[in-house]
Amino acid sequence: MALYMIGDLQGCHEPLQRLLHKIDFSASRDTLYVLGDLVNRGPDSLAVLRSLAQLGDAAQCLLGNHDLNLLGIRHGLRKPHRGDTVQQVLDAPDGEALLDWLRHRRMAMFERGWLMVHAGVLPSWSVVQTLALADEVERALRGPDLAGFLKGMYGNAPDRWDDALQGPERLRVIVNALTRMRFCTPDGAMEFATTGGPQTALPGYLPWFEAPGRATADTPVAFGHWSTLGADTAAAGGGLLNNTLPLDTGCVWGGCLTAARLDERGQAPDAFELITVGCEQAQAPH
């Protein structure tokens, strides 16, 4: 049995199929952990959702900001942005079933010694707290008032965590950290406008994984979302950054799609092998 973590797909179905062929993936033997942003920007979000849903438990998928935004569009809380490519999902005869499958995906996972999120983990959050807070959002997504949760999800404030937060503000901070964060201050105030590499950080901010005293520093963390970071890291030969592994290598922007195969024996929690396939999309990153 092999376990693979895969970076952002964003509707890139054909590269996904080539990657699965390259790793000789078998749903009866292996497991995929897909780190969110399954849909949008790429040419075939519908085929991606269908393929992953058909894999059953062999595909364990996180939700990213684009996936949550698709749910928001479906419930009339957001209009599609220029460049969005999710209408095919909304129009499909099996679209509602796929959206129901999507809302039952995870916000964070822990497997074989790795914490997996889409974007980041706030400096004060331990692995246990991250998983517990992710569960709060997962229960809201699966609950009877999905539209109410989605309506309260949007916004940049509060910009930091407080254990006393309640209601929509509490869930909003959790969602923003797990699906949108790149930069924060050492004490965990998030900033969402900057999307470039670590060198583009605004004064007082730093990549979330460089925060001093980060509570998850001793646990390897795999994440996606940050294509400029992941592409630069892959070009440099891959490897861990402060005990984190960025796996969004910009497939939808003409980069590559990357999987990390974990040590099957479980003897080295941070051991992995990177496998990539090239992608042909050439949208401008933003």
C-alpha atoms as a PDB file:
ATOM      1  CA  MET A   1       0.000   0.000   0.000  1.00  0.00           C
ATOM      2  CA  ALA A   2       1.333   3.405  -0.989  1.00  0.00           C
ATOM      3  CA  LEU A   3       0.136   6.759   0.290  1.00  0.00           C
ATOM      4  CA  TYR A   4       0.424   9.880  -1.860  1.00  0.00           C
ATOM      5  CA  MET A   5      -0.165  13.536  -1.031  1.00  0.00           C
ATOM      6  CA  ILE A   6      -1.082  15.598  -4.109  1.00  0.00           C
ATOM      7  CA  GLY A   7      -1.073  19.366  -4.517  1.00  0.00           C
ATOM      8  CA  ASP A   8      -3.756  21.631  -5.987  1.00  0.00           C
ATOM      9  CA  LEU A   9      -5.603  20.171  -8.983  1.00  0.00           C
ATOM     10  CA  GLN A  10      -7.799  23.183  -9.840  1.00  0.00           C
ATOM     11  CA  GLY A  11      -9.725  21.385 -12.542  1.00  0.00           C
ATOM     12  CA  CYS A  12      -6.674  19.876 -14.270  1.00  0.00           C
ATOM     13  CA  HIS A  13      -8.092  16.431 -14.955  1.00  0.00           C
ATOM     14  CA  GLU A  14      -5.750  15.281 -17.724  1.00  0.00           C
ATOM     15  CA  PRO A  15      -2.556  15.909 -15.703  1.00  0.00           C
ATOM     16  CA  LEU A  16      -4.152  14.073 -12.779  1.00  0.00           C
ATOM     17  CA  GLN A  17      -4.746  11.038 -14.944  1.00  0.00           C
ATOM     18  CA  ARG A  18      -1.163  11.105 -16.205  1.00  0.00           C
ATOM     19  CA  LEU A  19       0.125  11.398 -12.645  1.00  0.00           C
ATOM     20  CA  LEU A  20      -1.986   8.431 -11.506  1.00  0.00           C
ATOM     21  CA  HIS A  21      -0.637   6.422 -14.424  1.00  0.00           C
ATOM     22  CA  LYS A  22       2.946   7.411 -13.609  1.00  0.00           C
ATOM     23  CA  ILE A  23       2.649   6.256  -9.988  1.00  0.00           C
ATOM     24  CA  ASP A  24       0.734   3.102 -11.034  1.00  0.00           C
ATOM     25  CA  PHE A  25      -2.070   4.065  -8.666  1.00  0.00           C
ATOM     26  CA  SER A  26      -4.502   1.332  -7.623  1.00  0.00           C
ATOM     27  CA  ALA A  27      -7.642   2.243  -5.702  1.00  0.00           C
ATOM     28  CA  SER A  28      -7.688  -1.222  -4.136  1.00  0.00           C
ATOM     29  CA  ARG A  29      -4.157  -0.809  -2.794  1.00  0.00           C
ATOM     30  CA  ASP A  30      -3.182   2.863  -2.522  1.00  0.00           C
ATOM     31  CA  THR A  31      -4.558   6.084  -1.027  1.00  0.00           C
ATOM     32  CA  LEU A  32      -4.484   9.647  -2.324  1.00  0.00           C
ATOM     33  CA  TYR A  33      -4.544  12.642  -0.004  1.00  0.00           C
ATOM     34  CA  VAL A  34      -5.466  15.652  -2.165  1.00  0.00           C
ATOM     35  CA  LEU A  35      -4.661  18.943  -0.449  1.00  0.00           C
ATOM     36  CA  GLY A  36      -7.620  21.039  -1.578  1.00  0.00           C
ATOM     37  CA  ASP A  37      -8.545  23.317  -4.481  1.00  0.00           C
ATOM     38  CA  LEU A  38      -9.906  20.412  -6.461  1.00  0.00           C
ATOM     39  CA  VAL A  39     -11.762  22.790  -8.786  1.00  0.00           C
ATOM     40  CA  ASN A  40     -11.607  26.081 -10.689  1.00  0.00           C
ATOM     41  CA  ARG A  41      -9.323  27.904 -13.126  1.00  0.00           C
ATOM     42  CA  GLY A  42      -8.457  24.678 -14.968  1.00  0.00           C
ATOM     43  CA  PRO A  43     -10.377  23.217 -17.921  1.00  0.00           C
ATOM     44  CA  ASP A  44     -12.297  20.301 -16.379  1.00  0.00           C
ATOM     45  CA  SER A  45     -13.411  20.695 -12.775  1.00  0.00           C
ATOM     46  CA  LEU A  46     -16.373  18.408 -13.429  1.00  0.00           C
ATOM     47  CA  ALA A  47     -14.177  15.499 -14.511  1.00  0.00           C
ATOM     48  CA  VAL A  48     -11.881  16.016 -11.504  1.00  0.00           C
ATOM     49  CA  LEU A  49     -14.803  15.793  -9.069  1.00  0.00           C
ATOM     50  CA  ARG A  50     -16.251  12.770 -10.818  1.00  0.00           C
ATOM     51  CA  SER A  51     -12.906  10.950 -10.839  1.00  0.00           C
ATOM     52  CA  LEU A  52     -12.163  11.609  -7.171  1.00  0.00           C
ATOM     53  CA  ALA A  53     -15.688  10.757  -6.005  1.00  0.00           C
ATOM     54  CA  GLN A  54     -15.546   7.461  -7.923  1.00  0.00           C
ATOM     55  CA  LEU A  55     -12.367   6.480  -6.077  1.00  0.00           C
ATOM     56  CA  GLY A  56     -14.289   6.301  -2.798  1.00  0.00           C
ATOM     57  CA  ASP A  57     -12.136   5.971   0.294  1.00  0.00           C
ATOM     58  CA  ALA A  58      -9.013   5.705  -1.865  1.00  0.00           C
ATOM     59  CA  ALA A  59      -9.203   9.489  -2.373  1.00  0.00           C
ATOM     60  CA  GLN A  60      -9.194  11.535   0.821  1.00  0.00           C
ATOM     61  CA  CYS A  61      -9.648  15.183  -0.140  1.00  0.00           C
ATOM     62  CA  LEU A  62      -9.297  18.455   1.701  1.00  0.00           C
ATOM     63  CA  LEU A  63     -11.329  21.555   0.925  1.00  0.00           C
ATOM     64  CA  GLY A  64      -9.546  24.633  -0.378  1.00  0.00           C
ATOM     65  CA  ASN A  65     -10.735  28.187  -0.885  1.00  0.00           C
ATOM     66  CA  HIS A  66     -11.833  27.490  -4.467  1.00  0.00           C
ATOM     67  CA  ASP A  67     -13.897  24.496  -3.377  1.00  0.00           C
ATOM     68  CA  LEU A  68     -15.650  26.500  -0.670  1.00  0.00           C
ATOM     69  CA  ASN A  69     -16.227  29.312  -3.152  1.00  0.00           C
ATOM     70  CA  LEU A  70     -17.945  26.849  -5.512  1.00  0.00           C
ATOM     71  CA  LEU A  71     -20.361  25.986  -2.706  1.00  0.00           C
ATOM     72  CA  GLY A  72     -20.903  29.709  -2.119  1.00  0.00           C
ATOM     73  CA  ILE A  73     -21.699  30.261  -5.798  1.00  0.00           C
ATOM     74  CA  ARG A  74     -24.147  27.357  -5.771  1.00  0.00           C
ATOM     75  CA  HIS A  75     -26.027  28.913  -2.853  1.00  0.00           C
ATOM     76  CA  GLY A  76     -26.190  32.359  -4.457  1.00  0.00           C
ATOM     77  CA  LEU A  77     -23.762  33.976  -2.026  1.00  0.00           C
ATOM     78  CA  ARG A  78     -21.069  34.710  -4.590  1.00  0.00           C
ATOM     79  CA  LYS A  79     -21.025  35.515  -8.287  1.00  0.00           C
ATOM     80  CA  PRO A  80     -18.420  33.718 -10.427  1.00  0.00           C
ATOM     81  CA  HIS A  81     -15.241  35.733 -10.867  1.00  0.00           C
ATOM     82  CA  ARG A  82     -13.680  36.386 -14.238  1.00  0.00           C
ATOM     83  CA  GLY A  83     -11.648  33.292 -15.030  1.00  0.00           C
ATOM     84  CA  ASP A  84     -13.751  30.915 -12.900  1.00  0.00           C
ATOM     85  CA  THR A  85     -14.444  27.591 -14.606  1.00  0.00           C
ATOM     86  CA  VAL A  86     -17.036  25.971 -12.351  1.00  0.00           C
ATOM     87  CA  GLN A  87     -20.234  26.480 -14.355  1.00  0.00           C
ATOM     88  CA  GLN A  88     -19.895  23.006 -15.850  1.00  0.00           C
ATOM     89  CA  VAL A  89     -20.253  21.541 -12.361  1.00  0.00           C
ATOM     90  CA  LEU A  90     -23.343  23.622 -11.609  1.00  0.00           C
ATOM     91  CA  ASP A  91     -24.972  22.630 -14.917  1.00  0.00           C
ATOM     92  CA  ALA A  92     -24.142  18.911 -14.803  1.00  0.00           C
ATOM     93  CA  PRO A  93     -26.940  16.356 -14.233  1.00  0.00           C
ATOM     94  CA  ASP A  94     -24.923  14.935 -11.348  1.00  0.00           C
ATOM     95  CA  GLY A  95     -23.818  18.373 -10.148  1.00  0.00           C
ATOM     96  CA  GLU A  96     -25.918  18.371  -6.974  1.00  0.00           C
ATOM     97  CA  ALA A  97     -24.626  14.940  -5.971  1.00  0.00           C
ATOM     98  CA  LEU A  98     -21.041  16.069  -6.531  1.00  0.00           C
ATOM     99  CA  LEU A  99     -21.572  19.240  -4.505  1.00  0.00           C
ATOM    100  CA  ASP A 100     -23.020  17.148  -1.689  1.00  0.00           C
ATOM    101  CA  TRP A 101     -19.922  14.928  -1.894  1.00  0.00           C
ATOM    102  CA  LEU A 102     -17.755  18.058  -1.812  1.00  0.00           C
ATOM    103  CA  ARG A 103     -19.333  19.448   1.352  1.00  0.00           C
ATOM    104  CA  HIS A 104     -18.438  16.200   3.146  1.00  0.00           C
ATOM    105  CA  ARG A 105     -14.687  16.552   2.530  1.00  0.00           C
ATOM    106  CA  ARG A 106     -12.234  17.386   5.309  1.00  0.00           C
ATOM    107  CA  MET A 107     -10.563  20.637   6.397  1.00  0.00           C
ATOM    108  CA  ALA A 108      -7.439  19.037   7.897  1.00  0.00           C
ATOM    109  CA  MET A 109      -6.075  15.518   8.195  1.00  0.00           C
ATOM    110  CA  PHE A 110      -3.325  13.697  10.060  1.00  0.00           C
ATOM    111  CA  GLU A 111      -1.845  10.532   8.580  1.00  0.00           C
ATOM    112  CA  ARG A 112       1.420   8.660   8.992  1.00  0.00           C
ATOM    113  CA  GLY A 113       2.904  11.455  11.074  1.00  0.00           C
ATOM    114  CA  TRP A 114       1.925  14.245   8.650  1.00  0.00           C
ATOM    115  CA  LEU A 115      -0.503  17.080   9.281  1.00  0.00           C
ATOM    116  CA  MET A 116      -2.220  18.043   6.019  1.00  0.00           C
ATOM    117  CA  VAL A 117      -3.995  21.341   5.346  1.00  0.00           C
ATOM    118  CA  HIS A 118      -4.775  23.381   2.272  1.00  0.00           C
ATOM    119  CA  ALA A 119      -3.096  26.666   3.202  1.00  0.00           C
ATOM    120  CA  GLY A 120      -1.610  26.967   6.677  1.00  0.00           C
ATOM    121  CA  VAL A 121      -1.730  26.528  10.430  1.00  0.00           C
ATOM    122  CA  LEU A 122      -1.717  29.456  12.840  1.00  0.00           C
ATOM    123  CA  PRO A 123       1.403  29.611  15.033  1.00  0.00           C
ATOM    124  CA  SER A 124      -0.466  28.969  18.301  1.00  0.00           C
ATOM    125  CA  TRP A 125      -2.354  25.899  17.053  1.00  0.00           C
ATOM    126  CA  SER A 126      -1.106  22.447  17.984  1.00  0.00           C
ATOM    127  CA  VAL A 127      -1.860  19.436  15.800  1.00  0.00           C
ATOM    128  CA  VAL A 128      -4.642  18.381  18.176  1.00  0.00           C
ATOM    129  CA  GLN A 129      -6.201  21.851  18.195  1.00  0.00           C
ATOM    130  CA  THR A 130      -5.937  22.188  14.417  1.00  0.00           C
ATOM    131  CA  LEU A 131      -7.822  18.937  13.891  1.00  0.00           C
ATOM    132  CA  ALA A 132     -10.442  19.867  16.489  1.00  0.00           C
ATOM    133  CA  LEU A 133     -11.051  23.296  14.927  1.00  0.00           C
ATOM    134  CA  ALA A 134     -11.187  21.745  11.460  1.00  0.00           C
ATOM    135  CA  ASP A 135     -13.859  19.405  12.776  1.00  0.00           C
ATOM    136  CA  GLU A 136     -15.962  22.381  13.871  1.00  0.00           C
ATOM    137  CA  VAL A 137     -16.021  23.662  10.288  1.00  0.00           C
ATOM    138  CA  GLU A 138     -16.646  20.186   8.886  1.00  0.00           C
ATOM    139  CA  ARG A 139     -19.715  19.786  11.112  1.00  0.00           C
ATOM    140  CA  ALA A 140     -21.034  23.168   9.941  1.00  0.00           C
ATOM    141  CA  LEU A 141     -20.518  22.197   6.309  1.00  0.00           C
ATOM    142  CA  ARG A 142     -22.412  18.950   6.775  1.00  0.00           C
ATOM    143  CA  GLY A 143     -25.150  20.459   8.938  1.00  0.00           C
ATOM    144  CA  PRO A 144     -28.657  21.615   8.047  1.00  0.00           C
ATOM    145  CA  ASP A 145     -27.755  25.308   7.653  1.00  0.00           C
ATOM    146  CA  LEU A 146     -25.045  25.114   5.002  1.00  0.00           C
ATOM    147  CA  ALA A 147     -26.166  28.393   3.398  1.00  0.00           C
ATOM    148  CA  GLY A 148     -25.980  30.159   6.759  1.00  0.00           C
ATOM    149  CA  PHE A 149     -22.458  28.917   7.373  1.00  0.00           C
ATOM    150  CA  LEU A 150     -21.334  29.944   3.890  1.00  0.00           C
ATOM    151  CA  LYS A 151     -22.877  33.401   4.268  1.00  0.00           C
ATOM    152  CA  GLY A 152     -20.836  34.013   7.424  1.00  0.00           C
ATOM    153  CA  MET A 153     -17.659  32.526   5.987  1.00  0.00           C
ATOM    154  CA  TYR A 154     -16.563  35.494   3.867  1.00  0.00           C
ATOM    155  CA  GLY A 155     -14.410  38.329   5.199  1.00  0.00           C
ATOM    156  CA  ASN A 156     -10.928  39.054   6.531  1.00  0.00           C
ATOM    157  CA  ALA A 157     -11.843  39.948  10.105  1.00  0.00           C
ATOM    158  CA  PRO A 158     -11.089  38.946  12.758  1.00  0.00           C
ATOM    159  CA  ASP A 159      -7.546  38.561  11.476  1.00  0.00           C
ATOM    160  CA  ARG A 160      -6.264  36.417  14.365  1.00  0.00           C
ATOM    161  CA  TRP A 161      -7.336  33.565  16.584  1.00  0.00           C
ATOM    162  CA  ASP A 162      -8.895  33.936  20.014  1.00  0.00           C
ATOM    163  CA  ASP A 163     -10.208  30.942  21.961  1.00  0.00           C
ATOM    164  CA  ALA A 164     -13.161  33.085  23.055  1.00  0.00           C
ATOM    165  CA  LEU A 165     -14.430  33.594  19.484  1.00  0.00           C
ATOM    166  CA  GLN A 166     -17.894  32.212  18.811  1.00  0.00           C
ATOM    167  CA  GLY A 167     -20.350  31.815  15.951  1.00  0.00           C
ATOM    168  CA  PRO A 168     -19.539  32.947  12.409  1.00  0.00           C
ATOM    169  CA  GLU A 169     -16.421  34.879  13.455  1.00  0.00           C
ATOM    170  CA  ARG A 170     -14.908  31.764  15.035  1.00  0.00           C
ATOM    171  CA  LEU A 171     -15.568  29.626  11.974  1.00  0.00           C
ATOM    172  CA  ARG A 172     -14.357  32.406   9.655  1.00  0.00           C
ATOM    173  CA  VAL A 173     -10.946  32.594  11.319  1.00  0.00           C
ATOM    174  CA  ILE A 174     -10.572  28.807  11.129  1.00  0.00           C
ATOM    175  CA  VAL A 175     -11.513  28.760   7.436  1.00  0.00           C
ATOM    176  CA  ASN A 176      -9.220  31.670   6.599  1.00  0.00           C
ATOM    177  CA  ALA A 177      -6.235  30.072   8.313  1.00  0.00           C
ATOM    178  CA  LEU A 178      -6.749  26.621   6.828  1.00  0.00           C
ATOM    179  CA  THR A 179      -7.657  27.697   3.283  1.00  0.00           C
ATOM    180  CA  ARG A 180      -6.329  31.233   2.605  1.00  0.00           C
ATOM    181  CA  MET A 181      -3.341  32.106   4.787  1.00  0.00           C
ATOM    182  CA  ARG A 182       0.165  32.616   3.447  1.00  0.00           C
ATOM    183  CA  PHE A 183       1.570  35.340   5.692  1.00  0.00           C
ATOM    184  CA  CYS A 184       1.009  36.259   9.325  1.00  0.00           C
ATOM    185  CA  THR A 185       2.728  38.182  12.096  1.00  0.00           C
ATOM    186  CA  PRO A 186       4.718  36.277  14.729  1.00  0.00           C
ATOM    187  CA  ASP A 187       1.677  36.413  16.996  1.00  0.00           C
ATOM    188  CA  GLY A 188      -0.688  35.136  14.310  1.00  0.00           C
ATOM    189  CA  ALA A 189      -2.376  38.146  12.667  1.00  0.00           C
ATOM    190  CA  MET A 190      -3.137  37.080   9.074  1.00  0.00           C
ATOM    191  CA  GLU A 191      -2.671  39.121   5.877  1.00  0.00           C
ATOM    192  CA  PHE A 192      -4.385  37.966   2.680  1.00  0.00           C
ATOM    193  CA  ALA A 193      -3.514  40.449  -0.079  1.00  0.00           C
ATOM    194  CA  THR A 194       0.063  39.310  -0.721  1.00  0.00           C
ATOM    195  CA  THR A 195       0.349  36.243  -2.973  1.00  0.00           C
ATOM    196  CA  GLY A 196       3.989  36.278  -4.078  1.00  0.00           C
ATOM    197  CA  GLY A 197       6.921  34.366  -2.656  1.00  0.00           C
ATOM    198  CA  PRO A 198       8.281  34.765   0.888  1.00  0.00           C
ATOM    199  CA  GLN A 199      10.397  37.731  -0.196  1.00  0.00           C
ATOM    200  CA  THR A 200       7.211  39.749  -0.908  1.00  0.00           C
ATOM    201  CA  ALA A 201       6.040  39.751   2.719  1.00  0.00           C
ATOM    202  CA  LEU A 202       4.835  43.099   4.024  1.00  0.00           C
ATOM    203  CA  PRO A 203       6.753  44.650   6.939  1.00  0.00           C
ATOM    204  CA  GLY A 204       5.981  42.794  10.147  1.00  0.00           C
ATOM    205  CA  TYR A 205       4.710  39.694   8.345  1.00  0.00           C
ATOM    206  CA  LEU A 206       6.418  36.415   7.499  1.00  0.00           C
ATOM    207  CA  PRO A 207       5.414  33.071   5.967  1.00  0.00           C
ATOM    208  CA  TRP A 208       3.218  31.264   8.500  1.00  0.00           C
ATOM    209  CA  PHE A 209       5.677  28.365   8.737  1.00  0.00           C
ATOM    210  CA  GLU A 210       8.495  30.711   9.785  1.00  0.00           C
ATOM    211  CA  ALA A 211       6.670  32.042  12.853  1.00  0.00           C
ATOM    212  CA  PRO A 212       8.932  31.612  15.892  1.00  0.00           C
ATOM    213  CA  GLY A 213       7.646  29.106  18.432  1.00  0.00           C
ATOM    214  CA  ARG A 214       5.118  27.601  16.000  1.00  0.00           C
ATOM    215  CA  ALA A 215       3.267  24.881  17.926  1.00  0.00           C
ATOM    216  CA  THR A 216       3.400  22.441  14.986  1.00  0.00           C
ATOM    217  CA  ALA A 217       7.131  22.936  14.362  1.00  0.00           C
ATOM    218  CA  ASP A 218       7.965  19.341  15.343  1.00  0.00           C
ATOM    219  CA  THR A 219       5.325  17.824  13.023  1.00  0.00           C
ATOM    220  CA  PRO A 220       5.800  17.731   9.246  1.00  0.00           C
ATOM    221  CA  VAL A 221       3.025  19.726   7.587  1.00  0.00           C
ATOM    222  CA  ALA A 222       2.021  19.307   3.937  1.00  0.00           C
ATOM    223  CA  PHE A 223       0.049  22.087   2.287  1.00  0.00           C
ATOM    224  CA  GLY A 224      -0.954  23.529  -1.083  1.00  0.00           C
ATOM    225  CA  HIS A 225      -2.434  26.931  -2.006  1.00  0.00           C
ATOM    226  CA  TRP A 226       0.869  28.783  -2.467  1.00  0.00           C
ATOM    227  CA  SER A 227       1.847  28.071  -6.074  1.00  0.00           C
ATOM    228  CA  THR A 228       4.704  30.601  -6.259  1.00  0.00           C
ATOM    229  CA  LEU A 229       6.296  29.011  -3.201  1.00  0.00           C
ATOM    230  CA  GLY A 230       5.699  25.435  -4.308  1.00  0.00           C
ATOM    231  CA  ALA A 231       6.976  26.027  -7.840  1.00  0.00           C
ATOM    232  CA  ASP A 232      10.152  27.695  -6.564  1.00  0.00           C
ATOM    233  CA  THR A 233      10.729  24.890  -4.065  1.00  0.00           C
ATOM    234  CA  ALA A 234      10.244  22.221  -6.737  1.00  0.00           C
ATOM    235  CA  ALA A 235      12.610  24.037  -9.105  1.00  0.00           C
ATOM    236  CA  ALA A 236      15.227  24.000  -6.360  1.00  0.00           C
ATOM    237  CA  GLY A 237      14.918  20.235  -6.036  1.00  0.00           C
ATOM    238  CA  GLY A 238      12.158  19.978  -3.437  1.00  0.00           C
ATOM    239  CA  GLY A 239      12.581  19.450   0.263  1.00  0.00           C
ATOM    240  CA  LEU A 240      11.182  20.596   3.564  1.00  0.00           C
ATOM    241  CA  LEU A 241      10.872  24.270   4.533  1.00  0.00           C
ATOM    242  CA  ASN A 242      10.861  24.602   8.317  1.00  0.00           C
ATOM    243  CA  ASN A 243       9.440  21.070   8.476  1.00  0.00           C
ATOM    244  CA  THR A 244       6.708  21.847   5.928  1.00  0.00           C
ATOM    245  CA  LEU A 245       6.209  20.584   2.385  1.00  0.00           C
ATOM    246  CA  PRO A 246       4.554  22.939  -0.158  1.00  0.00           C
ATOM    247  CA  LEU A 247       2.893  20.801  -2.850  1.00  0.00           C
ATOM    248  CA  ASP A 248       1.056  23.329  -5.034  1.00  0.00           C
ATOM    249  CA  THR A 249       3.527  23.513  -7.908  1.00  0.00           C
ATOM    250  CA  GLY A 250       1.336  25.593 -10.209  1.00  0.00           C
ATOM    251  CA  CYS A 251      -0.207  23.022 -12.506  1.00  0.00           C
ATOM    252  CA  VAL A 252      -3.028  25.354 -13.556  1.00  0.00           C
ATOM    253  CA  TRP A 253      -0.480  28.088 -14.338  1.00  0.00           C
ATOM    254  CA  GLY A 254       1.580  25.888 -16.659  1.00  0.00           C
ATOM    255  CA  GLY A 255       3.840  24.406 -13.979  1.00  0.00           C
ATOM    256  CA  CYS A 256       3.562  20.797 -12.873  1.00  0.00           C
ATOM    257  CA  LEU A 257       1.363  18.564 -10.749  1.00  0.00           C
ATOM    258  CA  THR A 258       3.191  16.999  -7.826  1.00  0.00           C
ATOM    259  CA  ALA A 259       2.639  13.990  -5.601  1.00  0.00           C
ATOM    260  CA  ALA A 260       4.690  13.091  -2.537  1.00  0.00           C
ATOM    261  CA  ARG A 261       4.933   9.365  -1.881  1.00  0.00           C
ATOM    262  CA  LEU A 262       5.346   8.698   1.828  1.00  0.00           C
ATOM    263  CA  ASP A 263       7.551   6.087   3.430  1.00  0.00           C
ATOM    264  CA  GLU A 264       5.422   2.926   3.348  1.00  0.00           C
ATOM    265  CA  ARG A 265       7.129   1.453   6.393  1.00  0.00           C
ATOM    266  CA  GLY A 266       6.286   4.436   8.587  1.00  0.00           C
ATOM    267  CA  GLN A 267       9.820   4.415   9.950  1.00  0.00           C
ATOM    268  CA  ALA A 268      10.666   7.961   8.845  1.00  0.00           C
ATOM    269  CA  PRO A 269       7.647  10.261   9.269  1.00  0.00           C
ATOM    270  CA  ASP A 270       9.219  13.009   7.191  1.00  0.00           C
ATOM    271  CA  ALA A 271      10.517  10.738   4.401  1.00  0.00           C
ATOM    272  CA  PHE A 272       8.973  11.212   0.970  1.00  0.00           C
ATOM    273  CA  GLU A 273       9.642  10.966  -2.759  1.00  0.00           C
ATOM    274  CA  LEU A 274       8.369  13.643  -5.156  1.00  0.00           C
ATOM    275  CA  ILE A 275       6.779  12.585  -8.459  1.00  0.00           C
ATOM    276  CA  THR A 276       5.700  15.201 -11.009  1.00  0.00           C
ATOM    277  CA  VAL A 277       4.040  15.512 -14.400  1.00  0.00           C
ATOM    278  CA  GLY A 278       4.074  18.597 -16.591  1.00  0.00           C
ATOM    279  CA  CYS A 279       0.958  20.668 -17.233  1.00  0.00           C
ATOM    280  CA  GLU A 280      -0.036  22.678 -20.275  1.00  0.00           C
ATOM    281  CA  GLN A 281      -2.320  25.302 -18.762  1.00  0.00           C
ATOM    282  CA  ALA A 282      -0.898  28.783 -19.039  1.00  0.00           C
ATOM    283  CA  GLN A 283      -3.102  31.135 -17.067  1.00  0.00           C
ATOM    284  CA  ALA A 284      -1.463  34.088 -15.343  1.00  0.00           C
ATOM    285  CA  PRO A 285      -1.163  33.474 -11.590  1.00  0.00           C
ATOM    286  CA  HIS A 286      -2.819  35.960  -9.231  1.00  0.00           C
END
